[in-house]
Amino acid sequence: MELLHKLRVGYCFTGSFCTFSKAIASMRGLKELGCDIVPVMSFNAGSMNTRFGTAREHIEVIERIAGRKVIMTIEDAEPIGPKNMTDIMVIAPCTGNTIAKLSASVTDTPVTMAVKSHLRGERPVIIAISTNDALAGSLKNIGLLLNRRHYYFVPFYQDDPIKKPMSLVADLDKLPDTILSALGGKQLQPILKRG
């Protein structure tokens, strides 16, 4: 994993709060591998208190790990591309809502602006999906991004096929390998895993 040392990683959080603890652990793992983390949160991720923790608690942990303030506004996310702040952009967790916005090129949150700005440099974007409607309403949008340049997915699986048959979640243990593969212009395979 030496190739990850000093890699500038934009690490975006969207509102799949049930996966925040895994996403934060994954971000910590990248930091321990020597990555420079530029954290970004969507409006909902940065403001909602849930049974999985308060917004303030999440922000404090993320900022402590990254060693810098979280980008939480569209205005603060816009310079990411022009200032060449990131080598790769990770969205973990990435909700179906954010996937829909990215597939339609909608830029109305700090995360979607961070991605749009980052893509100016034709650099890779990694999506770590976490949505209960991945195999239903979000499937079309996932397909669009799978076929779009510069987008790569962390391998994913059905997290509970009996109780949540339409749900998919990324295997965040595969994030470092996904990043390395994306830096080489390839989607890590297999993309579909058994849970």
N, C-alpha and C. Protein backbone atom coordinates (compact mmCIF):
# COMPACT_ATOMS: atom_id res chain seq x y z
N MET A 1 0.81 -1.20 0.00
CA MET A 1 0.00 0.00 0.00
C MET A 1 0.85 1.27 0.00
N GLU A 2 2.11 1.12 -0.35
CA GLU A 2 3.00 2.28 -0.41
C GLU A 2 2.50 3.34 -1.36
N LEU A 3 1.77 2.94 -2.41
CA LEU A 3 1.27 3.89 -3.39
C LEU A 3 0.25 4.85 -2.79
N LEU A 4 -0.31 4.52 -1.64
CA LEU A 4 -1.29 5.39 -1.01
C LEU A 4 -0.63 6.47 -0.14
N HIS A 5 0.65 6.30 0.17
CA HIS A 5 1.34 7.27 1.01
C HIS A 5 1.34 8.65 0.34
N LYS A 6 0.86 9.65 1.06
CA LYS A 6 0.76 11.04 0.62
C LYS A 6 -0.30 11.27 -0.46
N LEU A 7 -1.11 10.27 -0.75
CA LEU A 7 -2.22 10.45 -1.69
C LEU A 7 -3.23 11.40 -1.06
N ARG A 8 -3.65 12.40 -1.81
CA ARG A 8 -4.63 13.38 -1.31
C ARG A 8 -6.03 12.86 -1.61
N VAL A 9 -6.72 12.46 -0.54
CA VAL A 9 -8.02 11.80 -0.67
C VAL A 9 -9.13 12.72 -0.17
N GLY A 10 -10.02 13.13 -1.08
CA GLY A 10 -11.25 13.77 -0.65
C GLY A 10 -12.15 12.67 -0.10
N TYR A 11 -12.60 12.79 1.13
CA TYR A 11 -13.42 11.74 1.74
C TYR A 11 -14.76 12.35 2.11
N CYS A 12 -15.78 11.97 1.36
CA CYS A 12 -17.11 12.57 1.49
C CYS A 12 -18.07 11.65 2.23
N PHE A 13 -18.86 12.25 3.12
CA PHE A 13 -19.90 11.53 3.86
C PHE A 13 -21.26 12.03 3.41
N THR A 14 -22.16 11.10 3.08
CA THR A 14 -23.55 11.44 2.85
C THR A 14 -24.38 10.69 3.89
N GLY A 15 -25.71 10.89 3.87
CA GLY A 15 -26.54 10.53 5.01
C GLY A 15 -26.93 9.09 5.27
N SER A 16 -26.12 8.14 4.97
CA SER A 16 -26.42 6.76 5.38
C SER A 16 -25.80 6.54 6.75
N PHE A 17 -26.47 7.05 7.77
CA PHE A 17 -25.90 7.14 9.11
C PHE A 17 -25.57 5.79 9.72
N CYS A 18 -26.30 4.75 9.34
CA CYS A 18 -26.05 3.42 9.91
C CYS A 18 -24.68 2.87 9.53
N THR A 19 -24.06 3.44 8.50
CA THR A 19 -22.72 2.98 8.10
C THR A 19 -21.61 3.97 8.47
N PHE A 20 -21.95 5.03 9.22
CA PHE A 20 -20.95 6.03 9.57
C PHE A 20 -19.78 5.44 10.35
N SER A 21 -20.03 4.55 11.30
CA SER A 21 -18.92 4.02 12.10
C SER A 21 -17.93 3.26 11.21
N LYS A 22 -18.44 2.49 10.25
CA LYS A 22 -17.55 1.78 9.33
C LYS A 22 -16.83 2.75 8.39
N ALA A 23 -17.55 3.77 7.93
CA ALA A 23 -16.93 4.74 7.03
C ALA A 23 -15.83 5.53 7.74
N ILE A 24 -16.08 5.91 8.98
CA ILE A 24 -15.07 6.64 9.76
C ILE A 24 -13.86 5.74 10.01
N ALA A 25 -14.09 4.48 10.33
CA ALA A 25 -12.98 3.53 10.52
C ALA A 25 -12.19 3.37 9.23
N SER A 26 -12.88 3.35 8.10
CA SER A 26 -12.21 3.22 6.81
C SER A 26 -11.37 4.45 6.51
N MET A 27 -11.89 5.63 6.82
CA MET A 27 -11.13 6.86 6.63
C MET A 27 -9.90 6.85 7.53
N ARG A 28 -10.06 6.40 8.76
CA ARG A 28 -8.92 6.30 9.69
C ARG A 28 -7.86 5.35 9.12
N GLY A 29 -8.30 4.25 8.52
CA GLY A 29 -7.37 3.31 7.92
C GLY A 29 -6.56 3.94 6.80
N LEU A 30 -7.21 4.76 5.98
CA LEU A 30 -6.48 5.45 4.91
C LEU A 30 -5.46 6.43 5.50
N LYS A 31 -5.85 7.12 6.55
CA LYS A 31 -4.93 8.05 7.21
C LYS A 31 -3.72 7.30 7.75
N GLU A 32 -3.96 6.13 8.34
CA GLU A 32 -2.86 5.32 8.87
C GLU A 32 -1.94 4.80 7.77
N LEU A 33 -2.47 4.68 6.55
CA LEU A 33 -1.65 4.27 5.41
C LEU A 33 -0.87 5.44 4.81
N GLY A 34 -1.06 6.64 5.39
CA GLY A 34 -0.30 7.81 4.95
C GLY A 34 -1.04 8.75 4.05
N CYS A 35 -2.34 8.53 3.84
CA CYS A 35 -3.12 9.43 2.98
C CYS A 35 -3.36 10.76 3.68
N ASP A 36 -3.42 11.81 2.89
CA ASP A 36 -3.80 13.13 3.36
C ASP A 36 -5.30 13.26 3.10
N ILE A 37 -6.10 13.40 4.16
CA ILE A 37 -7.56 13.37 4.05
C ILE A 37 -8.13 14.78 4.00
N VAL A 38 -8.98 15.03 3.00
CA VAL A 38 -9.74 16.27 2.87
C VAL A 38 -11.21 15.88 3.08
N PRO A 39 -11.76 16.08 4.30
CA PRO A 39 -13.12 15.62 4.58
C PRO A 39 -14.19 16.59 4.08
N VAL A 40 -15.28 16.00 3.59
CA VAL A 40 -16.43 16.77 3.08
C VAL A 40 -17.69 16.08 3.60
N MET A 41 -18.69 16.87 3.98
CA MET A 41 -19.97 16.29 4.41
C MET A 41 -21.11 16.96 3.67
N SER A 42 -22.10 16.16 3.29
CA SER A 42 -23.32 16.73 2.72
C SER A 42 -24.04 17.52 3.81
N PHE A 43 -25.02 18.33 3.38
CA PHE A 43 -25.77 19.11 4.37
C PHE A 43 -26.40 18.19 5.42
N ASN A 44 -27.03 17.10 4.98
CA ASN A 44 -27.67 16.20 5.93
C ASN A 44 -26.66 15.49 6.81
N ALA A 45 -25.59 15.00 6.24
CA ALA A 45 -24.57 14.28 7.02
C ALA A 45 -23.97 15.18 8.09
N GLY A 46 -23.84 16.45 7.79
CA GLY A 46 -23.20 17.37 8.72
C GLY A 46 -24.12 18.07 9.68
N SER A 47 -25.44 17.79 9.59
CA SER A 47 -26.36 18.54 10.45
C SER A 47 -27.37 17.68 11.21
N MET A 48 -27.55 16.44 10.83
CA MET A 48 -28.60 15.62 11.45
C MET A 48 -28.08 14.80 12.61
N ASN A 49 -28.85 14.82 13.69
CA ASN A 49 -28.59 13.96 14.84
C ASN A 49 -29.47 12.72 14.70
N THR A 50 -28.87 11.55 14.86
CA THR A 50 -29.62 10.31 14.70
C THR A 50 -29.29 9.36 15.84
N ARG A 51 -29.92 8.21 15.83
CA ARG A 51 -29.61 7.21 16.86
C ARG A 51 -28.19 6.68 16.72
N PHE A 52 -27.51 7.00 15.60
CA PHE A 52 -26.13 6.56 15.38
C PHE A 52 -25.12 7.61 15.83
N GLY A 53 -25.60 8.71 16.42
CA GLY A 53 -24.71 9.75 16.92
C GLY A 53 -25.15 11.13 16.48
N THR A 54 -24.61 12.13 17.13
CA THR A 54 -24.96 13.50 16.76
C THR A 54 -24.03 13.99 15.65
N ALA A 55 -24.51 15.00 14.94
CA ALA A 55 -23.68 15.60 13.89
C ALA A 55 -22.38 16.13 14.49
N ARG A 56 -22.46 16.80 15.63
CA ARG A 56 -21.26 17.36 16.26
C ARG A 56 -20.26 16.27 16.60
N GLU A 57 -20.73 15.14 17.14
CA GLU A 57 -19.82 14.03 17.47
C GLU A 57 -19.11 13.52 16.22
N HIS A 58 -19.86 13.33 15.15
CA HIS A 58 -19.26 12.83 13.90
C HIS A 58 -18.23 13.83 13.36
N ILE A 59 -18.60 15.09 13.35
CA ILE A 59 -17.68 16.12 12.83
C ILE A 59 -16.39 16.15 13.64
N GLU A 60 -16.50 16.10 14.96
CA GLU A 60 -15.31 16.14 15.82
C GLU A 60 -14.38 14.96 15.55
N VAL A 61 -14.94 13.76 15.41
CA VAL A 61 -14.12 12.57 15.14
C VAL A 61 -13.46 12.69 13.77
N ILE A 62 -14.23 13.08 12.76
CA ILE A 62 -13.68 13.19 11.40
C ILE A 62 -12.57 14.23 11.36
N GLU A 63 -12.78 15.38 11.99
CA GLU A 63 -11.76 16.43 11.98
C GLU A 63 -10.51 16.00 12.75
N ARG A 64 -10.69 15.27 13.82
CA ARG A 64 -9.54 14.79 14.60
C ARG A 64 -8.70 13.83 13.74
N ILE A 65 -9.34 12.92 13.03
CA ILE A 65 -8.62 11.97 12.19
C ILE A 65 -7.94 12.69 11.03
N ALA A 66 -8.68 13.55 10.35
CA ALA A 66 -8.15 14.23 9.15
C ALA A 66 -7.11 15.30 9.50
N GLY A 67 -7.23 15.87 10.69
CA GLY A 67 -6.31 16.95 11.06
C GLY A 67 -6.65 18.26 10.40
N ARG A 68 -7.91 18.41 9.98
CA ARG A 68 -8.37 19.66 9.36
C ARG A 68 -9.88 19.73 9.47
N LYS A 69 -10.42 20.91 9.20
CA LYS A 69 -11.86 21.15 9.24
C LYS A 69 -12.57 20.42 8.10
N VAL A 70 -13.79 20.01 8.39
CA VAL A 70 -14.64 19.40 7.37
C VAL A 70 -15.17 20.49 6.45
N ILE A 71 -15.14 20.25 5.17
CA ILE A 71 -15.78 21.13 4.19
C ILE A 71 -17.28 20.86 4.26
N MET A 72 -18.07 21.92 4.56
CA MET A 72 -19.50 21.73 4.80
C MET A 72 -20.38 22.69 4.00
N THR A 73 -19.79 23.42 3.05
CA THR A 73 -20.60 24.32 2.22
C THR A 73 -20.23 24.11 0.75
N ILE A 74 -21.15 24.46 -0.11
CA ILE A 74 -20.89 24.39 -1.55
C ILE A 74 -19.75 25.33 -1.91
N GLU A 75 -19.75 26.51 -1.30
CA GLU A 75 -18.71 27.51 -1.60
C GLU A 75 -17.32 26.99 -1.24
N ASP A 76 -17.21 26.30 -0.12
CA ASP A 76 -15.90 25.78 0.31
C ASP A 76 -15.47 24.56 -0.50
N ALA A 77 -16.44 23.85 -1.09
CA ALA A 77 -16.11 22.67 -1.90
C ALA A 77 -15.69 23.04 -3.32
N GLU A 78 -16.15 24.15 -3.82
CA GLU A 78 -15.89 24.53 -5.22
C GLU A 78 -14.41 24.64 -5.57
N PRO A 79 -13.53 25.15 -4.69
CA PRO A 79 -12.11 25.29 -5.06
C PRO A 79 -11.33 23.97 -5.13
N ILE A 80 -11.93 22.84 -4.75
CA ILE A 80 -11.20 21.57 -4.73
C ILE A 80 -10.51 21.30 -6.06
N GLY A 81 -11.23 21.45 -7.15
CA GLY A 81 -10.64 21.21 -8.47
C GLY A 81 -9.67 22.29 -8.90
N PRO A 82 -10.10 23.57 -8.91
CA PRO A 82 -9.19 24.63 -9.35
C PRO A 82 -7.89 24.70 -8.55
N LYS A 83 -7.96 24.37 -7.25
CA LYS A 83 -6.75 24.42 -6.41
C LYS A 83 -6.03 23.08 -6.37
N ASN A 84 -6.53 22.09 -7.15
CA ASN A 84 -5.87 20.79 -7.25
C ASN A 84 -5.64 20.18 -5.85
N MET A 85 -6.70 20.13 -5.05
CA MET A 85 -6.58 19.71 -3.65
C MET A 85 -6.63 18.20 -3.46
N THR A 86 -7.12 17.44 -4.44
CA THR A 86 -7.32 16.00 -4.26
C THR A 86 -6.83 15.20 -5.47
N ASP A 87 -6.28 14.03 -5.17
CA ASP A 87 -5.88 13.10 -6.22
C ASP A 87 -7.00 12.13 -6.55
N ILE A 88 -7.83 11.85 -5.55
CA ILE A 88 -8.94 10.91 -5.69
C ILE A 88 -10.04 11.36 -4.74
N MET A 89 -11.29 11.10 -5.13
CA MET A 89 -12.44 11.48 -4.30
C MET A 89 -13.18 10.20 -3.92
N VAL A 90 -13.45 10.04 -2.63
CA VAL A 90 -14.19 8.88 -2.11
C VAL A 90 -15.50 9.38 -1.51
N ILE A 91 -16.59 8.71 -1.84
CA ILE A 91 -17.87 9.00 -1.19
C ILE A 91 -18.26 7.74 -0.43
N ALA A 92 -18.14 7.83 0.90
CA ALA A 92 -18.39 6.65 1.74
C ALA A 92 -18.96 7.10 3.07
N PRO A 93 -20.22 6.87 3.33
CA PRO A 93 -21.17 6.15 2.49
C PRO A 93 -21.76 7.05 1.41
N CYS A 94 -22.19 6.42 0.33
CA CYS A 94 -22.85 7.14 -0.76
C CYS A 94 -24.30 6.65 -0.86
N THR A 95 -25.22 7.53 -0.59
CA THR A 95 -26.65 7.19 -0.61
C THR A 95 -27.20 7.13 -2.03
N GLY A 96 -28.36 6.52 -2.15
CA GLY A 96 -29.06 6.51 -3.44
C GLY A 96 -29.40 7.91 -3.90
N ASN A 97 -29.69 8.80 -2.96
CA ASN A 97 -29.98 10.19 -3.29
C ASN A 97 -28.78 10.87 -3.96
N THR A 98 -27.60 10.67 -3.38
CA THR A 98 -26.38 11.27 -3.96
C THR A 98 -26.05 10.62 -5.30
N ILE A 99 -26.22 9.32 -5.42
CA ILE A 99 -26.00 8.64 -6.70
C ILE A 99 -26.92 9.21 -7.77
N ALA A 100 -28.18 9.46 -7.42
CA ALA A 100 -29.13 10.05 -8.38
C ALA A 100 -28.66 11.43 -8.81
N LYS A 101 -28.19 12.22 -7.86
CA LYS A 101 -27.72 13.57 -8.20
C LYS A 101 -26.48 13.50 -9.10
N LEU A 102 -25.54 12.63 -8.76
CA LEU A 102 -24.33 12.52 -9.59
C LEU A 102 -24.67 12.04 -11.00
N SER A 103 -25.59 11.08 -11.12
CA SER A 103 -25.92 10.55 -12.44
C SER A 103 -26.61 11.60 -13.30
N ALA A 104 -27.29 12.57 -12.67
CA ALA A 104 -27.98 13.64 -13.40
C ALA A 104 -27.18 14.94 -13.41
N SER A 105 -25.96 14.92 -12.90
CA SER A 105 -25.09 16.10 -12.82
C SER A 105 -25.73 17.24 -12.03
N VAL A 106 -26.43 16.90 -10.95
CA VAL A 106 -27.01 17.90 -10.06
C VAL A 106 -25.96 18.27 -9.02
N THR A 107 -25.75 19.57 -8.84
CA THR A 107 -24.74 20.05 -7.90
C THR A 107 -25.41 20.96 -6.88
N ASP A 108 -25.91 20.38 -5.80
CA ASP A 108 -26.63 21.18 -4.81
C ASP A 108 -26.27 20.83 -3.37
N THR A 109 -25.16 20.14 -3.17
CA THR A 109 -24.66 19.86 -1.82
C THR A 109 -23.14 20.02 -1.84
N PRO A 110 -22.51 20.12 -0.68
CA PRO A 110 -21.05 20.18 -0.67
C PRO A 110 -20.40 18.94 -1.31
N VAL A 111 -21.01 17.77 -1.15
CA VAL A 111 -20.44 16.54 -1.72
C VAL A 111 -20.56 16.56 -3.24
N THR A 112 -21.72 16.90 -3.78
CA THR A 112 -21.85 16.90 -5.25
C THR A 112 -20.97 17.98 -5.87
N MET A 113 -20.81 19.11 -5.18
CA MET A 113 -19.89 20.14 -5.69
C MET A 113 -18.45 19.66 -5.60
N ALA A 114 -18.08 18.98 -4.52
CA ALA A 114 -16.72 18.46 -4.39
C ALA A 114 -16.40 17.51 -5.53
N VAL A 115 -17.34 16.62 -5.86
CA VAL A 115 -17.14 15.67 -6.95
C VAL A 115 -17.03 16.41 -8.28
N LYS A 116 -17.96 17.33 -8.54
CA LYS A 116 -17.93 18.08 -9.81
C LYS A 116 -16.61 18.83 -9.96
N SER A 117 -16.18 19.48 -8.89
CA SER A 117 -14.94 20.25 -8.94
C SER A 117 -13.73 19.34 -9.15
N HIS A 118 -13.71 18.23 -8.43
CA HIS A 118 -12.62 17.25 -8.54
C HIS A 118 -12.54 16.68 -9.96
N LEU A 119 -13.69 16.42 -10.57
CA LEU A 119 -13.72 15.82 -11.91
C LEU A 119 -13.18 16.75 -13.00
N ARG A 120 -13.05 18.04 -12.70
CA ARG A 120 -12.44 18.96 -13.67
C ARG A 120 -11.06 18.46 -14.10
N GLY A 121 -10.37 17.85 -13.15
CA GLY A 121 -9.03 17.33 -13.43
C GLY A 121 -9.03 15.91 -13.97
N GLU A 122 -10.21 15.37 -14.29
CA GLU A 122 -10.35 14.01 -14.81
C GLU A 122 -9.67 12.98 -13.91
N ARG A 123 -9.95 13.12 -12.63
CA ARG A 123 -9.41 12.20 -11.63
C ARG A 123 -10.51 11.27 -11.14
N PRO A 124 -10.13 10.12 -10.58
CA PRO A 124 -11.14 9.12 -10.20
C PRO A 124 -11.99 9.50 -8.99
N VAL A 125 -13.24 9.04 -9.07
CA VAL A 125 -14.21 9.17 -7.98
C VAL A 125 -14.62 7.75 -7.58
N ILE A 126 -14.52 7.47 -6.28
CA ILE A 126 -14.86 6.15 -5.74
C ILE A 126 -16.19 6.24 -5.01
N ILE A 127 -17.10 5.34 -5.34
CA ILE A 127 -18.41 5.31 -4.68
C ILE A 127 -18.51 4.06 -3.82
N ALA A 128 -18.79 4.28 -2.54
CA ALA A 128 -19.04 3.18 -1.60
C ALA A 128 -20.53 3.22 -1.27
N ILE A 129 -21.28 2.48 -2.03
CA ILE A 129 -22.74 2.54 -1.98
C ILE A 129 -23.28 2.06 -0.64
N SER A 130 -24.37 2.72 -0.21
CA SER A 130 -25.12 2.28 0.97
C SER A 130 -26.54 2.81 0.81
N THR A 131 -27.42 1.96 0.27
CA THR A 131 -28.80 2.40 0.06
C THR A 131 -29.75 1.21 0.06
N ASN A 132 -30.91 1.44 0.65
CA ASN A 132 -31.92 0.39 0.75
C ASN A 132 -32.68 0.16 -0.55
N ASP A 133 -32.52 1.05 -1.54
CA ASP A 133 -33.25 0.86 -2.80
C ASP A 133 -32.31 0.66 -4.00
N ALA A 134 -31.13 0.13 -3.73
CA ALA A 134 -30.14 -0.05 -4.80
C ALA A 134 -30.63 -0.95 -5.92
N LEU A 135 -31.38 -1.98 -5.58
CA LEU A 135 -31.87 -2.91 -6.59
C LEU A 135 -33.30 -2.58 -7.00
N ALA A 136 -33.71 -1.35 -6.72
CA ALA A 136 -35.03 -0.86 -7.12
C ALA A 136 -34.84 0.50 -7.79
N GLY A 137 -35.32 1.56 -7.16
CA GLY A 137 -35.28 2.89 -7.77
C GLY A 137 -33.90 3.41 -8.10
N SER A 138 -32.89 3.02 -7.35
CA SER A 138 -31.54 3.54 -7.59
C SER A 138 -30.75 2.76 -8.63
N LEU A 139 -31.26 1.61 -9.04
CA LEU A 139 -30.48 0.75 -9.93
C LEU A 139 -30.12 1.42 -11.25
N LYS A 140 -31.05 2.16 -11.82
CA LYS A 140 -30.78 2.86 -13.09
C LYS A 140 -29.62 3.84 -12.93
N ASN A 141 -29.61 4.58 -11.82
CA ASN A 141 -28.56 5.56 -11.59
C ASN A 141 -27.20 4.91 -11.33
N ILE A 142 -27.22 3.78 -10.65
CA ILE A 142 -25.98 3.02 -10.44
C ILE A 142 -25.44 2.58 -11.79
N GLY A 143 -26.32 2.07 -12.64
CA GLY A 143 -25.91 1.65 -13.98
C GLY A 143 -25.31 2.79 -14.78
N LEU A 144 -25.92 3.97 -14.69
CA LEU A 144 -25.38 5.13 -15.42
C LEU A 144 -23.96 5.45 -14.96
N LEU A 145 -23.73 5.44 -13.64
CA LEU A 145 -22.40 5.76 -13.14
C LEU A 145 -21.38 4.66 -13.43
N LEU A 146 -21.84 3.41 -13.44
CA LEU A 146 -20.93 2.31 -13.80
C LEU A 146 -20.40 2.47 -15.23
N ASN A 147 -21.16 3.15 -16.05
CA ASN A 147 -20.78 3.34 -17.45
C ASN A 147 -20.21 4.72 -17.74
N ARG A 148 -19.96 5.49 -16.71
CA ARG A 148 -19.42 6.83 -16.90
C ARG A 148 -17.93 6.84 -16.54
N ARG A 149 -17.16 7.57 -17.34
CA ARG A 149 -15.72 7.69 -17.09
C ARG A 149 -15.43 8.28 -15.72
N HIS A 150 -14.37 7.79 -15.12
CA HIS A 150 -13.81 8.30 -13.86
C HIS A 150 -14.57 7.87 -12.61
N TYR A 151 -15.65 7.09 -12.75
CA TYR A 151 -16.38 6.59 -11.59
C TYR A 151 -16.04 5.13 -11.36
N TYR A 152 -15.77 4.79 -10.10
CA TYR A 152 -15.43 3.42 -9.71
C TYR A 152 -16.20 3.08 -8.44
N PHE A 153 -16.61 1.83 -8.32
CA PHE A 153 -17.38 1.40 -7.16
C PHE A 153 -16.56 0.48 -6.27
N VAL A 154 -16.66 0.70 -4.96
CA VAL A 154 -16.15 -0.28 -4.00
C VAL A 154 -17.04 -1.51 -4.16
N PRO A 155 -16.48 -2.71 -4.26
CA PRO A 155 -17.33 -3.91 -4.37
C PRO A 155 -18.44 -3.91 -3.31
N PHE A 156 -19.62 -4.35 -3.73
CA PHE A 156 -20.78 -4.27 -2.85
C PHE A 156 -21.53 -5.59 -2.80
N TYR A 157 -22.45 -5.69 -1.84
CA TYR A 157 -23.21 -6.92 -1.64
C TYR A 157 -24.56 -6.59 -1.00
N GLN A 158 -25.47 -7.55 -1.03
CA GLN A 158 -26.74 -7.41 -0.32
C GLN A 158 -26.47 -7.64 1.17
N ASP A 159 -26.75 -6.64 1.97
CA ASP A 159 -26.44 -6.75 3.39
C ASP A 159 -27.48 -7.55 4.17
N ASP A 160 -28.70 -7.63 3.67
CA ASP A 160 -29.74 -8.44 4.33
C ASP A 160 -30.79 -8.81 3.29
N PRO A 161 -30.51 -9.83 2.45
CA PRO A 161 -31.40 -10.15 1.33
C PRO A 161 -32.81 -10.57 1.73
N ILE A 162 -33.00 -11.03 2.96
CA ILE A 162 -34.34 -11.45 3.38
C ILE A 162 -35.17 -10.25 3.85
N LYS A 163 -34.64 -9.47 4.79
CA LYS A 163 -35.40 -8.35 5.33
C LYS A 163 -35.32 -7.09 4.47
N LYS A 164 -34.22 -6.93 3.72
CA LYS A 164 -34.04 -5.75 2.86
C LYS A 164 -33.56 -6.21 1.48
N PRO A 165 -34.43 -6.83 0.70
CA PRO A 165 -33.99 -7.46 -0.55
C PRO A 165 -33.49 -6.49 -1.63
N MET A 166 -33.75 -5.21 -1.49
CA MET A 166 -33.31 -4.23 -2.49
C MET A 166 -32.06 -3.46 -2.05
N SER A 167 -31.54 -3.78 -0.87
CA SER A 167 -30.46 -3.02 -0.27
C SER A 167 -29.08 -3.53 -0.70
N LEU A 168 -28.16 -2.59 -0.93
CA LEU A 168 -26.75 -2.91 -1.19
C LEU A 168 -25.88 -2.05 -0.28
N VAL A 169 -24.76 -2.61 0.11
CA VAL A 169 -23.78 -1.87 0.90
C VAL A 169 -22.38 -2.25 0.42
N ALA A 170 -21.49 -1.26 0.43
CA ALA A 170 -20.11 -1.49 -0.01
C ALA A 170 -19.32 -2.25 1.06
N ASP A 171 -18.37 -3.05 0.59
CA ASP A 171 -17.43 -3.73 1.48
C ASP A 171 -16.25 -2.78 1.69
N LEU A 172 -16.31 -1.98 2.74
CA LEU A 172 -15.29 -0.95 2.95
C LEU A 172 -13.90 -1.51 3.21
N ASP A 173 -13.80 -2.80 3.52
CA ASP A 173 -12.47 -3.42 3.63
C ASP A 173 -11.75 -3.38 2.28
N LYS A 174 -12.52 -3.26 1.21
CA LYS A 174 -11.95 -3.24 -0.14
C LYS A 174 -11.62 -1.83 -0.64
N LEU A 175 -11.83 -0.82 0.21
CA LEU A 175 -11.58 0.55 -0.25
C LEU A 175 -10.14 0.80 -0.69
N PRO A 176 -9.12 0.43 0.08
CA PRO A 176 -7.76 0.68 -0.40
C PRO A 176 -7.45 0.01 -1.74
N ASP A 177 -7.90 -1.23 -1.92
CA ASP A 177 -7.68 -1.92 -3.20
C ASP A 177 -8.46 -1.25 -4.33
N THR A 178 -9.66 -0.74 -4.03
CA THR A 178 -10.45 -0.04 -5.04
C THR A 178 -9.74 1.23 -5.47
N ILE A 179 -9.16 1.94 -4.51
CA ILE A 179 -8.42 3.17 -4.83
C ILE A 179 -7.23 2.85 -5.73
N LEU A 180 -6.46 1.84 -5.36
CA LEU A 180 -5.29 1.48 -6.17
C LEU A 180 -5.70 1.09 -7.59
N SER A 181 -6.77 0.33 -7.70
CA SER A 181 -7.26 -0.09 -9.02
C SER A 181 -7.72 1.12 -9.82
N ALA A 182 -8.47 2.02 -9.19
CA ALA A 182 -8.97 3.22 -9.88
C ALA A 182 -7.83 4.13 -10.33
N LEU A 183 -6.78 4.22 -9.53
CA LEU A 183 -5.62 5.03 -9.94
C LEU A 183 -4.99 4.49 -11.21
N GLY A 184 -5.16 3.18 -11.44
CA GLY A 184 -4.70 2.55 -12.67
C GLY A 184 -5.76 2.52 -13.77
N GLY A 185 -6.90 3.16 -13.52
CA GLY A 185 -7.95 3.26 -14.53
C GLY A 185 -8.82 2.02 -14.66
N LYS A 186 -8.85 1.18 -13.62
CA LYS A 186 -9.63 -0.06 -13.70
C LYS A 186 -10.57 -0.20 -12.52
N GLN A 187 -11.72 -0.81 -12.79
CA GLN A 187 -12.68 -1.15 -11.74
C GLN A 187 -12.20 -2.43 -11.05
N LEU A 188 -12.12 -2.39 -9.72
CA LEU A 188 -11.76 -3.57 -8.95
C LEU A 188 -12.83 -4.64 -9.15
N GLN A 189 -12.40 -5.86 -9.38
CA GLN A 189 -13.31 -6.98 -9.61
C GLN A 189 -13.06 -8.07 -8.58
N PRO A 190 -14.04 -8.89 -8.26
CA PRO A 190 -15.43 -8.77 -8.71
C PRO A 190 -16.13 -7.61 -8.00
N ILE A 191 -17.00 -6.94 -8.70
CA ILE A 191 -17.72 -5.81 -8.12
C ILE A 191 -18.88 -6.28 -7.25
N LEU A 192 -19.45 -7.43 -7.57
CA LEU A 192 -20.54 -8.02 -6.78
C LEU A 192 -19.97 -9.10 -5.89
N LYS A 193 -20.25 -8.99 -4.58
CA LYS A 193 -19.73 -9.96 -3.62
C LYS A 193 -20.88 -10.70 -2.95
N ARG A 194 -20.55 -11.80 -2.36
CA ARG A 194 -21.50 -12.47 -1.46
C ARG A 194 -21.34 -11.84 -0.10
N GLY A 195 -22.47 -11.61 0.59
CA GLY A 195 -22.45 -10.95 1.89
C GLY A 195 -21.83 -11.77 2.98
